Amino acid sequence: MSEATKTRVVIGMSGGVDSSAAAALLLEQGYDVVGITLKLWPQDCVSRAEDKCCGPQAVTDARSVCHKLGIPYYLIDEADAFQKQVIHYFAEEYKAGRTPNPCVMCNEKLKFGALLDRARQLGGDFIATGHFARLEKRPDGRMLLKKGCDPRKDQSYFLFSLRQNQLARSLFPLGEKTKQDTRQVARECQLKTADKEESMEICFVPDKDYGKFLSVAGLAQKHQGEIVNMQGQLLGHHDGIEFYTIGQRKGLGLSSPKPLYVIELDAARNRVIVGDDSALDRAEFTVRNCNWIPFDQPPGELQVSAKIRYNHPGTPATVQPLAGGEAKVILHTPQRAITPGQACVFYDGDLVVGGGWIA
């Protein structure tokens, strides 16, 4: 490849080992690589943890990796967009009695939205990330999204909402790799992130205490409501449905001979509905705002494996497409704690068929 015709790829750098190794692999493959970190948090970030998205350490690490690899590095401020498109969504979903999935939203709107726009400005043909997922181009030009080869690290779930135009300009260099391979790549290139610990929680809620985050950030105020059982009998009071999730057992402040779980959050009546374990199992629900990958619209009823949350192994299901971007999901075996607001992603083997948001 002559210098003039080198394909330019803009890679999102989080300061972690995955994006570092992905950048090194792209260089090895002969691409002209540019590193970018999207600064997603304002200076006064509530959870300014050192090594998180907003921490100075993440930027230092990303910059150091780019310096070591000899590629340009840019830090780009997207704090306003993050606030509007991710944090606002996060808070509104909780207020509506749903449990949000901010990682999917951040991917769709920022990593594969804002980053794509930035790549264009920098003359980039593609963007790349350190996600463990694979892309394949069909002979007719349509892009297919598949699970990453390392089953424990596969992140295709978080990418289900990407559109064809986003997938067509994306690269996932780690798709064929395992986590171990990834660390090895970073070690061989002597990158300082090679042995960096990875974070599993939502980047802006470092201690997993969503309620505290919403309160401290001024996104939710306490407002008292009723805790009732399935028959509607009053059992106690709560400080706001935002602070509860489906399947929750601890912190209800109720005494009962059998353990009680949150079964439903009724935003309209500001109620938390509790019941025993058996009431958590469900087999049918609707998903909204569906996105389909191998086709624009499903040709008819689909037989899939449905993942109702990221760390769910998937379960056989029948999906019936409905009007208005919705679909009915019928699980062949009822599953526990199906949570409105979470993404339900459909697979056919390794292929991501599509998905939607649990209504």
Protein backbone atom coordinates (compact mmCIF):
# COMPACT_ATOMS: atom_id res chain seq x y z
CA MET A 1 0.00 0.00 0.00
CA SER A 2 1.52 3.32 -0.96
CA GLU A 3 1.39 6.11 1.63
CA ALA A 4 -1.08 8.06 -0.49
CA THR A 5 -3.67 5.28 -0.64
CA LYS A 6 -3.48 4.14 2.98
CA THR A 7 -6.94 3.81 4.51
CA ARG A 8 -7.32 6.10 7.50
CA VAL A 9 -9.02 4.66 10.58
CA VAL A 10 -10.00 6.73 13.60
CA ILE A 11 -10.02 4.59 16.73
CA GLY A 12 -11.85 5.42 19.95
CA MET A 13 -9.31 5.17 22.79
CA SER A 14 -10.64 4.68 26.32
CA GLY A 15 -7.26 4.26 28.01
CA GLY A 16 -7.95 0.55 28.49
CA VAL A 17 -6.10 -2.50 27.17
CA ASP A 18 -8.75 -3.40 24.55
CA SER A 19 -8.68 -0.16 22.57
CA SER A 20 -4.87 -0.03 22.96
CA ALA A 21 -4.44 -3.51 21.45
CA ALA A 22 -6.99 -2.72 18.72
CA ALA A 23 -4.94 0.34 17.68
CA ALA A 24 -1.75 -1.74 17.57
CA LEU A 25 -3.44 -4.42 15.41
CA LEU A 26 -4.73 -1.82 12.94
CA LEU A 27 -1.22 -0.42 12.54
CA GLU A 28 0.10 -3.93 11.96
CA GLN A 29 -2.55 -4.39 9.24
CA GLY A 30 -1.21 -1.33 7.41
CA TYR A 31 -3.86 1.26 8.23
CA ASP A 32 -3.17 4.94 8.82
CA VAL A 33 -4.40 5.16 12.43
CA VAL A 34 -5.55 8.19 14.44
CA GLY A 35 -6.46 7.89 18.14
CA ILE A 36 -9.33 9.83 19.69
CA THR A 37 -10.69 9.95 23.22
CA LEU A 38 -14.17 11.39 23.55
CA LYS A 39 -14.21 13.40 26.76
CA LEU A 40 -17.70 12.64 27.95
CA TRP A 41 -17.76 14.33 31.32
CA PRO A 42 -17.78 17.95 32.40
CA GLN A 43 -14.93 19.02 34.71
CA ASP A 44 -17.07 18.65 37.80
CA CYS A 45 -18.02 15.05 37.05
CA VAL A 46 -19.92 13.65 40.04
CA SER A 47 -18.09 10.35 40.04
CA ARG A 48 -14.70 11.58 38.96
CA ALA A 49 -13.03 8.25 39.57
CA GLU A 50 -9.39 8.31 38.45
CA ASP A 51 -9.53 5.50 35.92
CA LYS A 52 -13.04 5.93 34.55
CA CYS A 53 -14.11 7.57 31.30
CA CYS A 54 -13.86 11.00 32.86
CA GLY A 55 -10.70 10.40 34.87
CA PRO A 56 -7.47 12.15 33.94
CA GLN A 57 -5.72 8.76 34.14
CA ALA A 58 -7.74 7.38 31.21
CA VAL A 59 -6.64 10.28 29.01
CA THR A 60 -3.00 10.00 30.15
CA ASP A 61 -3.00 6.27 29.35
CA ALA A 62 -4.63 6.71 25.93
CA ARG A 63 -2.20 9.50 25.02
CA SER A 64 0.79 7.45 26.17
CA VAL A 65 -0.32 4.45 24.06
CA CYS A 66 -0.70 6.63 20.95
CA HIS A 67 2.71 8.19 21.60
CA LYS A 68 4.28 4.73 21.92
CA LEU A 69 2.61 3.57 18.69
CA GLY A 70 3.62 6.80 16.93
CA ILE A 71 0.11 7.82 15.92
CA PRO A 72 -1.66 11.20 16.30
CA TYR A 73 -3.93 11.60 19.34
CA TYR A 74 -6.87 13.94 19.90
CA LEU A 75 -9.01 14.58 22.95
CA ILE A 76 -12.45 15.74 21.86
CA ASP A 77 -15.05 17.23 24.17
CA GLU A 78 -18.45 15.57 23.78
CA ALA A 79 -19.65 16.32 27.33
CA ASP A 80 -22.80 18.17 26.17
CA ALA A 81 -23.89 15.35 23.88
CA PHE A 82 -23.19 12.76 26.59
CA GLN A 83 -25.25 14.75 29.09
CA LYS A 84 -28.19 15.08 26.68
CA GLN A 85 -28.13 11.68 25.03
CA VAL A 86 -26.93 9.33 27.76
CA ILE A 87 -27.29 10.86 31.23
CA HIS A 88 -30.66 12.46 30.50
CA TYR A 89 -31.92 9.17 29.02
CA PHE A 90 -30.52 7.27 32.05
CA ALA A 91 -32.42 9.45 34.54
CA GLU A 92 -35.67 9.59 32.49
CA GLU A 93 -35.79 5.80 32.15
CA TYR A 94 -35.50 5.34 35.91
CA LYS A 95 -38.23 7.94 36.46
CA ALA A 96 -40.50 6.03 34.06
CA GLY A 97 -40.02 2.84 36.08
CA ARG A 98 -37.61 1.29 33.57
CA THR A 99 -34.01 0.16 34.00
CA PRO A 100 -31.82 1.84 31.36
CA ASN A 101 -28.92 0.43 29.39
CA PRO A 102 -26.66 3.45 28.91
CA CYS A 103 -23.86 1.47 27.18
CA VAL A 104 -26.08 0.65 24.19
CA MET A 105 -27.20 4.28 23.97
CA CYS A 106 -23.64 5.60 24.26
CA ASN A 107 -22.50 3.27 21.46
CA GLU A 108 -25.31 4.27 19.14
CA LYS A 109 -25.24 8.02 19.75
CA LEU A 110 -21.61 8.78 20.63
CA LYS A 111 -19.10 6.07 19.80
CA PHE A 112 -20.75 5.28 16.47
CA GLY A 113 -22.38 8.69 16.06
CA ALA A 114 -20.15 11.53 17.23
CA LEU A 115 -17.00 9.49 16.58
CA LEU A 116 -18.08 8.84 12.97
CA ASP A 117 -18.64 12.58 12.47
CA ARG A 118 -15.19 13.34 13.91
CA ALA A 119 -13.62 10.68 11.70
CA ARG A 120 -15.07 12.37 8.61
CA GLN A 121 -13.58 15.70 9.70
CA LEU A 122 -10.19 14.02 10.07
CA GLY A 123 -10.43 12.37 6.66
CA GLY A 124 -11.08 8.94 8.16
CA ASP A 125 -12.73 6.21 6.10
CA PHE A 126 -13.54 4.03 9.11
CA ILE A 127 -13.83 4.13 12.87
CA ALA A 128 -12.65 1.31 15.11
CA THR A 129 -13.27 0.33 18.73
CA GLY A 130 -12.00 -2.30 21.13
CA HIS A 131 -15.34 -4.17 21.20
CA PHE A 132 -15.27 -7.97 21.06
CA ALA A 133 -17.57 -8.47 18.06
CA ARG A 134 -17.21 -9.38 14.38
CA LEU A 135 -18.46 -7.86 11.15
CA GLU A 136 -19.03 -9.66 7.88
CA LYS A 137 -20.07 -8.22 4.53
CA ARG A 138 -22.64 -10.19 2.54
CA PRO A 139 -22.24 -10.44 -1.26
CA ASP A 140 -25.16 -7.99 -1.63
CA GLY A 141 -23.20 -5.46 0.46
CA ARG A 142 -25.26 -5.76 3.65
CA MET A 143 -23.25 -5.79 6.88
CA LEU A 144 -23.78 -8.61 9.38
CA LEU A 145 -22.90 -8.35 13.06
CA LYS A 146 -21.65 -11.47 14.82
CA LYS A 147 -20.55 -12.45 18.31
CA GLY A 148 -16.88 -12.04 19.19
CA CYS A 149 -14.89 -15.30 19.22
CA ASP A 150 -14.25 -15.18 22.99
CA PRO A 151 -17.64 -16.24 24.42
CA ARG A 152 -16.84 -14.73 27.83
CA LYS A 153 -16.03 -11.31 26.36
CA ASP A 154 -18.52 -11.07 23.48
CA GLN A 155 -19.99 -7.53 23.37
CA SER A 156 -22.27 -7.79 20.34
CA TYR A 157 -25.24 -7.30 22.72
CA PHE A 158 -24.26 -3.65 23.23
CA LEU A 159 -24.06 -3.05 19.46
CA PHE A 160 -27.48 -4.38 18.36
CA SER A 161 -28.92 -0.89 17.70
CA LEU A 162 -26.27 0.16 15.16
CA ARG A 163 -27.64 0.87 11.68
CA GLN A 164 -26.24 -0.37 8.39
CA ASN A 165 -24.49 2.99 7.67
CA GLN A 166 -22.73 2.77 11.07
CA LEU A 167 -21.70 -0.89 10.68
CA ALA A 168 -20.42 -0.27 7.13
CA ARG A 169 -17.84 2.20 8.45
CA SER A 170 -16.78 0.29 11.57
CA LEU A 171 -13.92 -2.08 12.31
CA PHE A 172 -13.60 -4.42 15.32
CA PRO A 173 -9.98 -5.62 15.32
CA LEU A 174 -10.54 -7.77 18.44
CA GLY A 175 -13.41 -9.82 16.99
CA GLU A 176 -11.28 -12.91 16.43
CA LYS A 177 -9.21 -12.45 19.60
CA THR A 178 -9.57 -13.64 23.18
CA LYS A 179 -8.95 -11.34 26.14
CA GLN A 180 -5.63 -13.13 26.68
CA ASP A 181 -4.56 -12.51 23.05
CA THR A 182 -5.43 -8.86 23.55
CA ARG A 183 -3.18 -8.47 26.58
CA GLN A 184 -0.43 -10.31 24.68
CA VAL A 185 -0.66 -7.85 21.76
CA ALA A 186 -0.37 -4.92 24.20
CA ARG A 187 2.62 -6.56 25.96
CA GLU A 188 4.45 -7.20 22.71
CA CYS A 189 4.01 -3.53 21.80
CA GLN A 190 5.12 -2.57 25.34
CA LEU A 191 1.97 -0.57 25.95
CA LYS A 192 1.48 0.60 29.52
CA THR A 193 -2.15 -0.57 29.53
CA ALA A 194 -1.24 -4.25 28.94
CA ASP A 195 -2.08 -5.35 32.48
CA LYS A 196 -4.59 -2.68 33.37
CA GLU A 197 -7.62 -3.94 35.28
CA GLU A 198 -10.88 -3.71 33.40
CA SER A 199 -14.00 -2.06 34.74
CA MET A 200 -17.30 -3.88 34.45
CA GLU A 201 -19.65 -1.29 35.88
CA ILE A 202 -21.29 1.63 34.11
CA CYS A 203 -18.51 4.17 33.66
CA PHE A 204 -20.28 7.04 35.39
CA VAL A 205 -21.61 5.06 38.39
CA PRO A 206 -18.39 3.70 39.87
CA ASP A 207 -19.87 2.13 43.00
CA LYS A 208 -22.96 0.69 41.25
CA ASP A 209 -25.14 2.87 43.50
CA TYR A 210 -27.50 4.32 40.86
CA GLY A 211 -29.78 5.89 43.44
CA LYS A 212 -26.93 7.84 44.99
CA PHE A 213 -25.70 8.93 41.56
CA LEU A 214 -29.16 10.19 40.55
CA SER A 215 -29.56 12.09 43.85
CA VAL A 216 -26.06 13.62 43.96
CA ALA A 217 -26.29 14.66 40.30
CA GLY A 218 -29.66 16.28 41.03
CA LEU A 219 -31.38 14.05 38.46
CA ALA A 220 -33.94 12.57 40.87
CA GLN A 221 -35.53 13.88 44.03
CA LYS A 222 -37.02 11.71 46.75
CA HIS A 223 -40.81 11.50 46.49
CA GLN A 224 -42.77 9.14 48.65
CA GLY A 225 -45.05 6.46 47.22
CA GLU A 226 -46.61 3.15 48.16
CA ILE A 227 -45.12 -0.32 48.22
CA VAL A 228 -47.98 -2.76 47.59
CA ASN A 229 -48.34 -6.49 47.04
CA MET A 230 -49.81 -8.10 43.91
CA GLN A 231 -53.31 -7.73 45.39
CA GLY A 232 -52.75 -3.98 45.90
CA GLN A 233 -52.50 -4.11 49.71
CA LEU A 234 -50.27 -1.43 51.25
CA LEU A 235 -47.11 -2.92 52.79
CA GLY A 236 -44.93 0.15 53.21
CA HIS A 237 -43.54 3.28 51.54
CA HIS A 238 -40.68 4.11 49.20
CA ASP A 239 -38.71 7.29 48.39
CA GLY A 240 -39.09 7.08 44.60
CA ILE A 241 -39.43 4.29 42.02
CA GLU A 242 -36.14 5.49 40.45
CA PHE A 243 -34.30 3.75 43.26
CA TYR A 244 -35.67 0.25 42.55
CA THR A 245 -35.17 -2.37 39.88
CA ILE A 246 -37.12 -5.49 38.90
CA GLY A 247 -36.00 -8.55 40.87
CA GLN A 248 -34.55 -6.47 43.72
CA ARG A 249 -34.88 -8.14 47.14
CA LYS A 250 -32.61 -6.13 49.45
CA GLY A 251 -33.37 -2.68 50.80
CA LEU A 252 -37.16 -2.86 50.61
CA GLY A 253 -37.53 -2.26 54.36
CA LEU A 254 -40.42 -4.73 54.60
CA SER A 255 -40.80 -7.60 57.06
CA SER A 256 -42.45 -10.69 55.62
CA PRO A 257 -42.31 -14.44 56.33
CA LYS A 258 -41.23 -15.13 52.71
CA PRO A 259 -38.64 -13.05 50.83
CA LEU A 260 -40.28 -10.36 48.68
CA TYR A 261 -38.99 -9.10 45.34
CA VAL A 262 -39.78 -6.07 43.19
CA ILE A 263 -42.12 -7.43 40.49
CA GLU A 264 -43.20 -4.22 38.80
CA LEU A 265 -42.67 -0.44 38.93
CA ASP A 266 -45.83 1.54 38.24
CA ALA A 267 -44.66 5.05 37.28
CA ALA A 268 -48.18 6.40 36.68
CA ARG A 269 -49.24 5.63 40.25
CA ASN A 270 -45.76 5.97 41.78
CA ARG A 271 -45.98 2.44 43.15
CA VAL A 272 -43.50 -0.35 43.76
CA ILE A 273 -45.27 -3.72 43.43
CA VAL A 274 -43.72 -6.66 45.28
CA GLY A 275 -44.40 -10.38 45.32
CA ASP A 276 -42.74 -13.71 45.92
CA ASP A 277 -40.12 -15.36 43.78
CA SER A 278 -42.55 -17.16 41.46
CA ALA A 279 -44.08 -13.86 40.27
CA LEU A 280 -40.75 -12.88 38.69
CA ASP A 281 -41.02 -15.50 35.93
CA ARG A 282 -42.43 -14.32 32.60
CA ALA A 283 -42.65 -15.81 29.14
CA GLU A 284 -44.13 -13.04 26.97
CA PHE A 285 -43.37 -9.37 26.48
CA THR A 286 -43.16 -6.68 23.80
CA VAL A 287 -40.01 -4.95 22.53
CA ARG A 288 -40.00 -1.45 21.00
CA ASN A 289 -37.75 0.49 18.62
CA CYS A 290 -36.50 -2.71 17.04
CA ASN A 291 -33.40 -2.69 14.87
CA TRP A 292 -32.81 -5.55 12.43
CA ILE A 293 -29.40 -6.41 11.04
CA PRO A 294 -29.66 -9.03 8.22
CA PHE A 295 -32.83 -7.38 6.80
CA ASP A 296 -34.73 -4.09 6.99
CA GLN A 297 -37.87 -5.89 8.22
CA PRO A 298 -38.25 -9.52 9.30
CA PRO A 299 -39.81 -11.68 6.57
CA GLY A 300 -42.16 -13.18 9.19
CA GLU A 301 -42.04 -14.97 12.52
CA LEU A 302 -38.49 -15.71 13.71
CA GLN A 303 -37.03 -18.51 15.84
CA VAL A 304 -34.11 -17.07 17.81
CA SER A 305 -32.09 -17.25 20.98
CA ALA A 306 -33.09 -14.19 23.05
CA LYS A 307 -30.72 -12.48 25.50
CA ILE A 308 -32.81 -10.49 27.97
CA ARG A 309 -29.77 -8.83 29.58
CA TYR A 310 -26.04 -8.69 28.86
CA ASN A 311 -24.94 -11.52 31.15
CA HIS A 312 -27.89 -13.77 30.22
CA PRO A 313 -26.93 -16.96 28.31
CA GLY A 314 -29.82 -16.60 25.83
CA THR A 315 -32.98 -18.73 25.66
CA PRO A 316 -35.05 -20.10 22.71
CA ALA A 317 -37.82 -17.71 21.67
CA THR A 318 -40.33 -16.96 18.93
CA VAL A 319 -40.41 -13.34 17.74
CA GLN A 320 -43.52 -12.00 16.03
CA PRO A 321 -42.96 -8.65 14.28
CA LEU A 322 -45.68 -6.04 14.92
CA ALA A 323 -46.40 -2.65 13.36
CA GLY A 324 -44.50 0.49 14.37
CA GLY A 325 -41.11 -1.10 15.00
CA GLU A 326 -42.39 -3.38 17.75
CA ALA A 327 -42.30 -7.15 18.18
CA LYS A 328 -43.83 -9.72 20.50
CA VAL A 329 -41.36 -12.09 22.15
CA ILE A 330 -42.56 -15.51 23.35
CA LEU A 331 -39.93 -17.34 25.40
CA HIS A 332 -40.17 -21.14 25.20
CA THR A 333 -39.16 -21.30 28.90
CA PRO A 334 -40.22 -18.47 31.24
CA GLN A 335 -37.30 -16.34 32.47
CA ARG A 336 -36.78 -14.47 35.70
CA ALA A 337 -36.81 -10.69 36.17
CA ILE A 338 -37.51 -9.52 32.62
CA THR A 339 -36.81 -5.82 33.05
CA PRO A 340 -38.50 -3.01 31.08
CA GLY A 341 -35.90 -0.62 29.66
CA GLN A 342 -33.28 -3.33 29.09
CA ALA A 343 -32.30 -4.43 25.61
CA CYS A 344 -33.47 -7.85 24.41
CA VAL A 345 -31.13 -9.02 21.64
CA PHE A 346 -31.94 -11.87 19.22
CA TYR A 347 -29.35 -14.32 17.92
CA ASP A 348 -29.26 -17.07 15.35
CA GLY A 349 -26.11 -18.92 16.43
CA ASP A 350 -23.37 -16.26 16.25
CA LEU A 351 -25.40 -13.89 14.09
CA VAL A 352 -27.11 -10.89 15.67
CA VAL A 353 -30.57 -10.88 14.10
CA GLY A 354 -31.60 -7.67 15.84
CA GLY A 355 -33.19 -6.53 19.06
CA GLY A 356 -35.38 -4.02 20.81
CA TRP A 357 -36.12 -2.41 24.15
CA ILE A 358 -38.28 -4.36 26.61
CA ALA A 359 -41.55 -2.43 27.01
